[in-house]
Amino acid sequence: MTTLIIDGFDHYDNDQAPMYWPNRSDFSTWISITTAAAHTGRAGVRKTAWHASLSRLLPGGSYSELCVAFWWRWTTVANSQYVDMIGLEDDTSQQIGLEAHGLNHVLRVTRAGADISGDSTFVFDADTWYHIALRVVVDNTNGEVELRINGAVEFNLTGLDTQATANATANRIRIGQVAGTNVMPAMDWDDLVVTDGPFPGQTRVATLAPNGNGTYSDFVGSDADSTDNYALVDEEPQDDVDYVETVTVNDKDSYAVADLVGAASVVAVSHEVRMLKTDAGDRVARSFLRRGSTDYEGPDYPVTDSAKWASTVWDDDPSTSAAWTPAGVAATEIGVKLHG
């Protein structure tokens, strides 16, 4: 299994959200990152109008098989229409969508807006969190749809036409609905995990911020020294008030992180770094994990004049090439390197 996206919506706010979700309608007005929508951690996504949505391309390109898992809550059950919860798209054309009906409290799966599953036997309650996992194979004749709710299989359909475009793939995920009547079905999302097909389980996203110094303190802080640099990059959401910086290639800064509390297992780790450059010329950075005495570096990230988030997902503990454990996460330092 390859984990494509891990997003707990905790480490950034509305101003930074377009760095992750650059395509959106009515962002901050009708759909926003808010503490009121938190299932786990600081914040989640809340939509308060029919035609509000946010979307992003999937990292790595297009996929014929995908699984989208998330926690979801409908906070206003007051309309008699189907409303999009999640869409998988080929560019901006929907292949498969998952919809909720506000009056009958049921879910259904659609292909380009047309029902292909029928209504669920599952009935949802308002103001109740549910774990939703939708696995899709995109194909004209051998398409598949499997929907699990709180771990229980609701739909397991094969031999479907799940392809609405010329391509038997999807390369974009959308939260919410891009157009429609301006009614007010309020719903929340949190703890989003997207894989290239396999179910990740009933996952939750724990956001761990730096809480101590690591092995390296090469960067200089906005406080003009290199002492306790972790305290300059530990806020949620991140901001530009304090920071660390360097002009020296191969400089590194690393930090301890808080323990992972209450987790029996770990599906994957996503290392998120927000960075920008203030001088002329090209700059390249890498994030890295340090386990024991070894640094494991991620890919090159070009650093630009405007702030951007860089994500590196580690499906396995690089020091063991096996699944992560909570103890392994606790023993890991996270860091950033000016690579060039």
Protein backbone atom coordinates (compact mmCIF):
# COMPACT_ATOMS: atom_id res chain seq x y z
CA MET A 1 0.00 0.00 0.00
CA THR A 2 1.18 3.50 -0.84
CA THR A 3 -0.26 6.30 1.25
CA LEU A 4 -0.81 9.36 -0.91
CA ILE A 5 -2.31 11.92 1.47
CA ILE A 6 -2.46 12.25 5.25
CA ASP A 7 -4.25 15.40 6.45
CA GLY A 8 -5.48 16.11 9.96
CA PHE A 9 -6.14 19.81 9.10
CA ASP A 10 -4.35 20.77 12.33
CA HIS A 11 -1.08 22.39 11.28
CA TYR A 12 -2.41 25.06 8.90
CA ASP A 13 -5.24 27.59 8.83
CA ASN A 14 -7.48 29.14 6.18
CA ASP A 15 -4.78 31.48 4.94
CA GLN A 16 -2.42 28.55 4.31
CA ALA A 17 -5.07 26.08 3.10
CA PRO A 18 -4.66 27.01 -0.60
CA MET A 19 -1.09 25.67 -0.38
CA TYR A 20 -2.66 22.21 -0.01
CA TRP A 21 -6.07 22.79 -1.62
CA PRO A 22 -5.47 25.31 -4.42
CA ASN A 23 -8.80 24.72 -6.18
CA ARG A 24 -11.74 25.78 -4.09
CA SER A 25 -15.09 27.51 -4.28
CA ASP A 26 -16.22 29.98 -1.63
CA PHE A 27 -13.31 29.07 0.61
CA SER A 28 -13.41 30.69 4.06
CA THR A 29 -17.00 31.81 3.40
CA TRP A 30 -18.84 28.51 3.07
CA ILE A 31 -16.07 25.97 3.61
CA SER A 32 -13.22 26.48 6.05
CA ILE A 33 -10.64 24.99 8.37
CA THR A 34 -12.13 25.45 11.83
CA THR A 35 -11.71 24.15 15.36
CA ALA A 36 -15.47 23.54 15.43
CA ALA A 37 -15.01 20.68 12.94
CA ALA A 38 -12.26 18.83 14.82
CA HIS A 39 -12.67 15.09 15.30
CA THR A 40 -9.06 14.57 16.32
CA GLY A 41 -6.58 17.32 17.10
CA ARG A 42 -7.02 21.06 16.59
CA ALA A 43 -9.26 21.47 13.54
CA GLY A 44 -11.21 19.93 10.66
CA VAL A 45 -13.11 21.06 7.55
CA ARG A 46 -16.65 22.48 7.81
CA LYS A 47 -18.95 23.18 4.85
CA THR A 48 -22.08 25.27 5.39
CA ALA A 49 -23.45 25.68 1.86
CA TRP A 50 -24.32 23.33 -1.01
CA HIS A 51 -21.93 24.77 -3.59
CA ALA A 52 -18.78 24.97 -1.45
CA SER A 53 -15.82 22.68 -2.07
CA LEU A 54 -12.07 22.35 -2.03
CA SER A 55 -9.94 20.09 -4.19
CA ARG A 56 -6.35 19.11 -4.89
CA LEU A 57 -4.40 16.93 -7.28
CA LEU A 58 -3.22 13.59 -6.00
CA PRO A 59 0.55 13.35 -5.58
CA GLY A 60 2.24 11.08 -8.11
CA GLY A 61 -0.25 11.48 -10.96
CA SER A 62 -3.31 9.39 -11.91
CA TYR A 63 -4.60 6.16 -10.34
CA SER A 64 -6.98 3.45 -11.51
CA GLU A 65 -7.61 2.35 -7.92
CA LEU A 66 -7.98 4.56 -4.87
CA CYS A 67 -9.25 4.46 -1.31
CA VAL A 68 -10.38 7.57 0.54
CA ALA A 69 -10.86 7.26 4.30
CA PHE A 70 -12.03 10.03 6.63
CA TRP A 71 -14.19 10.88 9.63
CA TRP A 72 -17.44 12.63 8.72
CA ARG A 73 -20.33 14.30 10.53
CA TRP A 74 -23.52 15.92 9.24
CA THR A 75 -24.41 18.74 11.57
CA THR A 76 -27.64 19.90 9.88
CA VAL A 77 -30.10 17.30 8.58
CA ALA A 78 -32.62 19.71 7.11
CA ASN A 79 -32.94 19.24 3.35
CA SER A 80 -34.39 16.63 1.02
CA GLN A 81 -31.63 16.41 -1.58
CA TYR A 82 -28.42 14.46 -2.14
CA VAL A 83 -25.25 16.38 -1.37
CA ASP A 84 -21.71 15.44 -2.39
CA MET A 85 -19.38 14.41 0.42
CA ILE A 86 -16.31 13.26 -1.54
CA GLY A 87 -15.49 13.15 -5.24
CA LEU A 88 -12.73 11.44 -7.22
CA GLU A 89 -12.10 13.31 -10.45
CA ASP A 90 -10.24 13.10 -13.74
CA ASP A 91 -8.93 16.65 -13.83
CA THR A 92 -12.17 18.49 -12.96
CA SER A 93 -14.65 15.87 -14.27
CA GLN A 94 -16.06 13.59 -11.62
CA GLN A 95 -15.58 9.86 -11.99
CA ILE A 96 -17.04 8.68 -8.67
CA GLY A 97 -18.81 10.57 -5.90
CA LEU A 98 -20.19 9.73 -2.49
CA GLU A 99 -23.40 11.55 -1.55
CA ALA A 100 -25.52 11.96 1.56
CA HIS A 101 -29.29 12.55 1.62
CA GLY A 102 -30.35 15.05 4.26
CA LEU A 103 -33.94 13.88 4.74
CA ASN A 104 -33.55 10.08 4.51
CA HIS A 105 -30.11 10.09 6.21
CA VAL A 106 -28.63 7.60 3.73
CA LEU A 107 -25.55 7.44 1.50
CA ARG A 108 -25.11 6.48 -2.14
CA VAL A 109 -22.28 6.20 -4.68
CA THR A 110 -22.55 7.98 -8.03
CA ARG A 111 -20.79 8.01 -11.38
CA ALA A 112 -20.67 11.58 -12.74
CA GLY A 113 -23.67 12.35 -10.54
CA ALA A 114 -25.78 9.30 -11.54
CA ASP A 115 -26.62 6.72 -8.88
CA ILE A 116 -24.79 3.37 -9.28
CA SER A 117 -25.27 1.84 -5.82
CA GLY A 118 -28.75 2.59 -4.59
CA ASP A 119 -29.34 3.94 -1.10
CA SER A 120 -27.47 2.50 1.84
CA THR A 121 -29.24 0.46 4.48
CA PHE A 122 -27.08 2.41 6.90
CA VAL A 123 -28.83 5.48 8.29
CA PHE A 124 -26.79 8.30 9.80
CA ASP A 125 -27.67 10.54 12.72
CA ALA A 126 -26.94 14.24 12.91
CA ASP A 127 -24.03 15.43 15.06
CA THR A 128 -22.49 11.96 15.10
CA TRP A 129 -19.03 11.13 13.77
CA TYR A 130 -18.67 8.17 11.38
CA HIS A 131 -15.58 6.68 9.79
CA ILE A 132 -16.13 6.45 6.04
CA ALA A 133 -13.85 4.51 3.67
CA LEU A 134 -14.56 4.38 -0.07
CA ARG A 135 -12.49 2.14 -2.35
CA VAL A 136 -12.90 2.58 -6.11
CA VAL A 137 -11.56 0.85 -9.23
CA VAL A 138 -12.15 3.05 -12.28
CA ASP A 139 -13.13 1.06 -15.39
CA ASN A 140 -15.85 1.03 -18.06
CA THR A 141 -16.92 -2.57 -17.40
CA ASN A 142 -14.92 -3.99 -14.50
CA GLY A 143 -15.24 -1.09 -12.09
CA GLU A 144 -15.50 -1.74 -8.37
CA VAL A 145 -16.95 0.18 -5.44
CA GLU A 146 -16.59 -0.80 -1.79
CA LEU A 147 -17.92 1.40 0.99
CA ARG A 148 -17.19 0.74 4.65
CA ILE A 149 -18.81 2.65 7.50
CA ASN A 150 -17.19 2.32 10.92
CA GLY A 151 -15.35 -0.70 9.51
CA ALA A 152 -18.49 -2.55 8.33
CA VAL A 153 -19.02 -3.20 4.61
CA GLU A 154 -22.06 -1.34 3.27
CA PHE A 155 -21.47 -1.76 -0.49
CA ASN A 156 -19.20 -4.24 -2.27
CA LEU A 157 -20.07 -3.89 -5.94
CA THR A 158 -18.21 -5.28 -8.96
CA GLY A 159 -18.70 -5.30 -12.72
CA LEU A 160 -19.70 -1.63 -12.75
CA ASP A 161 -19.10 1.22 -15.14
CA THR A 162 -17.20 3.63 -12.90
CA GLN A 163 -15.50 5.53 -15.73
CA ALA A 164 -17.17 8.77 -16.80
CA THR A 165 -14.33 10.22 -18.89
CA ALA A 166 -11.96 8.97 -21.58
CA ASN A 167 -9.45 7.97 -18.89
CA ALA A 168 -9.83 5.01 -16.54
CA THR A 169 -8.15 6.96 -13.76
CA ALA A 170 -8.61 9.74 -11.23
CA ASN A 171 -6.04 12.36 -10.33
CA ARG A 172 -7.98 14.72 -8.05
CA ILE A 173 -9.91 14.54 -4.80
CA ARG A 174 -12.70 16.97 -3.92
CA ILE A 175 -14.30 17.64 -0.55
CA GLY A 176 -17.80 19.08 -0.86
CA GLN A 177 -19.70 20.07 -3.97
CA VAL A 178 -18.62 22.43 -6.72
CA ALA A 179 -22.09 23.65 -7.75
CA GLY A 180 -25.73 23.37 -6.80
CA THR A 181 -28.66 25.05 -5.08
CA ASN A 182 -27.61 27.30 -2.22
CA VAL A 183 -29.16 25.34 0.61
CA MET A 184 -27.39 24.92 3.92
CA PRO A 185 -26.40 21.31 4.67
CA ALA A 186 -23.58 21.70 7.18
CA MET A 187 -21.09 18.83 7.40
CA ASP A 188 -17.62 18.22 8.79
CA TRP A 189 -14.59 16.19 7.67
CA ASP A 190 -11.40 15.29 9.53
CA ASP A 191 -8.55 12.75 9.58
CA LEU A 192 -8.28 12.30 5.80
CA VAL A 193 -6.17 9.42 4.45
CA VAL A 194 -5.90 8.52 0.74
CA THR A 195 -4.16 5.36 -0.51
CA ASP A 196 -3.60 3.76 -3.90
CA GLY A 197 -6.28 1.16 -3.20
CA PRO A 198 -6.02 -0.80 0.07
CA PHE A 199 -8.13 0.17 3.07
CA PRO A 200 -5.93 1.84 5.70
CA GLY A 201 -8.27 0.88 8.56
CA GLN A 202 -10.26 3.17 10.85
CA THR A 203 -7.50 5.72 10.94
CA ARG A 204 -7.08 8.92 12.89
CA VAL A 205 -4.47 11.56 12.16
CA ALA A 206 -2.32 12.63 15.11
CA THR A 207 -0.40 15.86 14.48
CA LEU A 208 2.87 15.88 16.40
CA ALA A 209 4.75 19.18 16.71
CA PRO A 210 8.39 19.65 17.74
CA ASN A 211 8.83 19.62 21.51
CA GLY A 212 12.61 19.49 22.00
CA ASN A 213 16.00 19.96 20.41
CA GLY A 214 17.36 17.28 18.12
CA THR A 215 20.84 16.36 16.97
CA TYR A 216 21.29 19.37 14.67
CA SER A 217 20.95 23.09 15.39
CA ASP A 218 22.70 24.58 12.36
CA PHE A 219 19.94 27.03 11.47
CA VAL A 220 19.68 30.45 13.12
CA GLY A 221 16.38 31.37 14.68
CA SER A 222 14.36 34.54 14.31
CA ASP A 223 15.58 35.22 17.86
CA ALA A 224 19.12 35.55 16.39
CA ASP A 225 20.57 32.41 17.98
CA SER A 226 20.55 28.63 17.52
CA THR A 227 19.34 27.77 21.00
CA ASP A 228 16.06 25.88 21.39
CA ASN A 229 15.18 26.24 17.73
CA TYR A 230 12.29 23.79 18.19
CA ALA A 231 10.39 26.50 20.10
CA LEU A 232 10.33 28.61 16.93
CA VAL A 233 8.58 25.95 14.80
CA ASP A 234 6.19 24.29 17.24
CA GLU A 235 2.99 26.31 16.86
CA GLU A 236 -0.31 25.01 15.45
CA PRO A 237 -1.22 26.42 13.05
CA GLN A 238 2.15 27.49 11.71
CA ASP A 239 2.82 31.19 11.24
CA ASP A 240 5.57 33.60 10.17
CA VAL A 241 6.07 35.23 13.55
CA ASP A 242 9.05 33.03 14.39
CA TYR A 243 11.16 30.73 12.24
CA VAL A 244 14.62 29.28 11.59
CA GLU A 245 16.80 30.04 8.58
CA THR A 246 20.19 29.41 6.97
CA VAL A 247 22.21 30.40 3.92
CA THR A 248 24.70 27.53 4.19
CA VAL A 249 24.25 24.47 1.98
CA ASN A 250 24.07 21.18 3.94
CA ASP A 251 23.04 22.91 7.19
CA LYS A 252 20.48 20.87 9.12
CA ASP A 253 18.01 21.51 11.93
CA SER A 254 16.22 18.66 13.71
CA TYR A 255 13.76 18.30 16.56
CA ALA A 256 12.26 15.77 18.92
CA VAL A 257 8.50 15.31 18.72
CA ALA A 258 5.79 14.53 21.22
CA ASP A 259 4.92 10.89 21.92
CA LEU A 260 2.14 9.26 19.94
CA VAL A 261 -0.48 8.66 22.61
CA GLY A 262 -3.27 6.09 22.40
CA ALA A 263 -2.28 4.49 19.08
CA ALA A 264 -2.06 0.70 18.83
CA SER A 265 -0.50 0.82 15.36
CA VAL A 266 0.73 3.32 12.78
CA VAL A 267 -0.26 3.23 9.10
CA ALA A 268 2.19 5.88 7.89
CA VAL A 269 4.02 9.06 8.83
CA SER A 270 3.78 12.30 6.85
CA HIS A 271 6.48 14.91 7.46
CA GLU A 272 5.24 18.44 6.73
CA VAL A 273 7.62 21.39 6.33
CA ARG A 274 6.67 24.98 5.47
CA MET A 275 9.44 27.02 3.85
CA LEU A 276 10.32 29.98 1.65
CA LYS A 277 13.46 31.80 0.51
CA THR A 278 14.33 35.47 0.89
CA ASP A 279 17.41 35.72 -1.33
CA ALA A 280 17.97 35.55 -5.09
CA GLY A 281 18.81 32.36 -6.95
CA ASP A 282 17.57 28.80 -6.78
CA ARG A 283 17.36 26.92 -3.49
CA VAL A 284 16.56 23.28 -2.81
CA ALA A 285 15.64 21.79 0.57
CA ARG A 286 14.98 18.31 1.88
CA SER A 287 13.08 17.14 4.91
CA PHE A 288 14.52 14.18 6.76
CA LEU A 289 13.86 11.74 9.57
CA ARG A 290 16.60 10.73 11.98
CA ARG A 291 16.44 7.27 13.54
CA GLY A 292 19.30 6.28 15.78
CA SER A 293 22.46 7.69 14.18
CA THR A 294 21.15 7.73 10.59
CA ASP A 295 19.42 10.49 8.62
CA TYR A 296 16.84 9.42 6.04
CA GLU A 297 16.29 12.22 3.54
CA GLY A 298 13.23 12.84 1.44
CA PRO A 299 13.13 14.17 -2.13
CA ASP A 300 14.31 17.58 -3.29
CA TYR A 301 11.85 20.45 -2.83
CA PRO A 302 12.50 23.69 -4.73
CA VAL A 303 12.16 26.60 -2.30
CA THR A 304 10.30 29.61 -3.72
CA ASP A 305 9.81 33.24 -2.78
CA SER A 306 6.36 32.45 -1.36
CA ALA A 307 5.75 30.02 1.48
CA LYS A 308 4.79 26.46 0.54
CA TRP A 309 4.20 23.25 2.45
CA ALA A 310 6.25 20.21 1.42
CA SER A 311 4.92 16.74 2.31
CA THR A 312 6.92 13.52 2.49
CA VAL A 313 5.02 10.33 3.37
CA TRP A 314 6.90 7.41 4.92
CA ASP A 315 4.81 4.23 4.78
CA ASP A 316 7.47 2.24 6.66
CA ASP A 317 10.00 3.07 9.33
CA PRO A 318 13.14 3.68 7.21
CA SER A 319 15.38 2.28 9.93
CA THR A 320 13.69 -1.13 9.87
CA SER A 321 11.93 -1.23 6.45
CA ALA A 322 8.95 -2.51 8.43
CA ALA A 323 5.71 -0.96 9.65
CA TRP A 324 5.94 1.95 12.02
CA THR A 325 5.28 1.45 15.72
CA PRO A 326 4.28 4.11 18.24
CA ALA A 327 7.65 3.64 19.94
CA GLY A 328 9.41 4.11 16.61
CA VAL A 329 7.58 7.39 16.02
CA ALA A 330 8.52 8.60 19.51
CA ALA A 331 12.20 7.80 18.85
CA THR A 332 12.26 9.77 15.57
CA GLU A 333 13.66 13.24 15.05
CA ILE A 334 12.20 15.37 12.26
CA GLY A 335 14.36 17.84 10.42
CA VAL A 336 15.05 20.02 7.41
CA LYS A 337 18.23 20.45 5.33
CA LEU A 338 19.28 23.13 2.90
CA HIS A 339 20.42 20.81 0.12
CA GLY A 340 21.46 23.26 -2.54
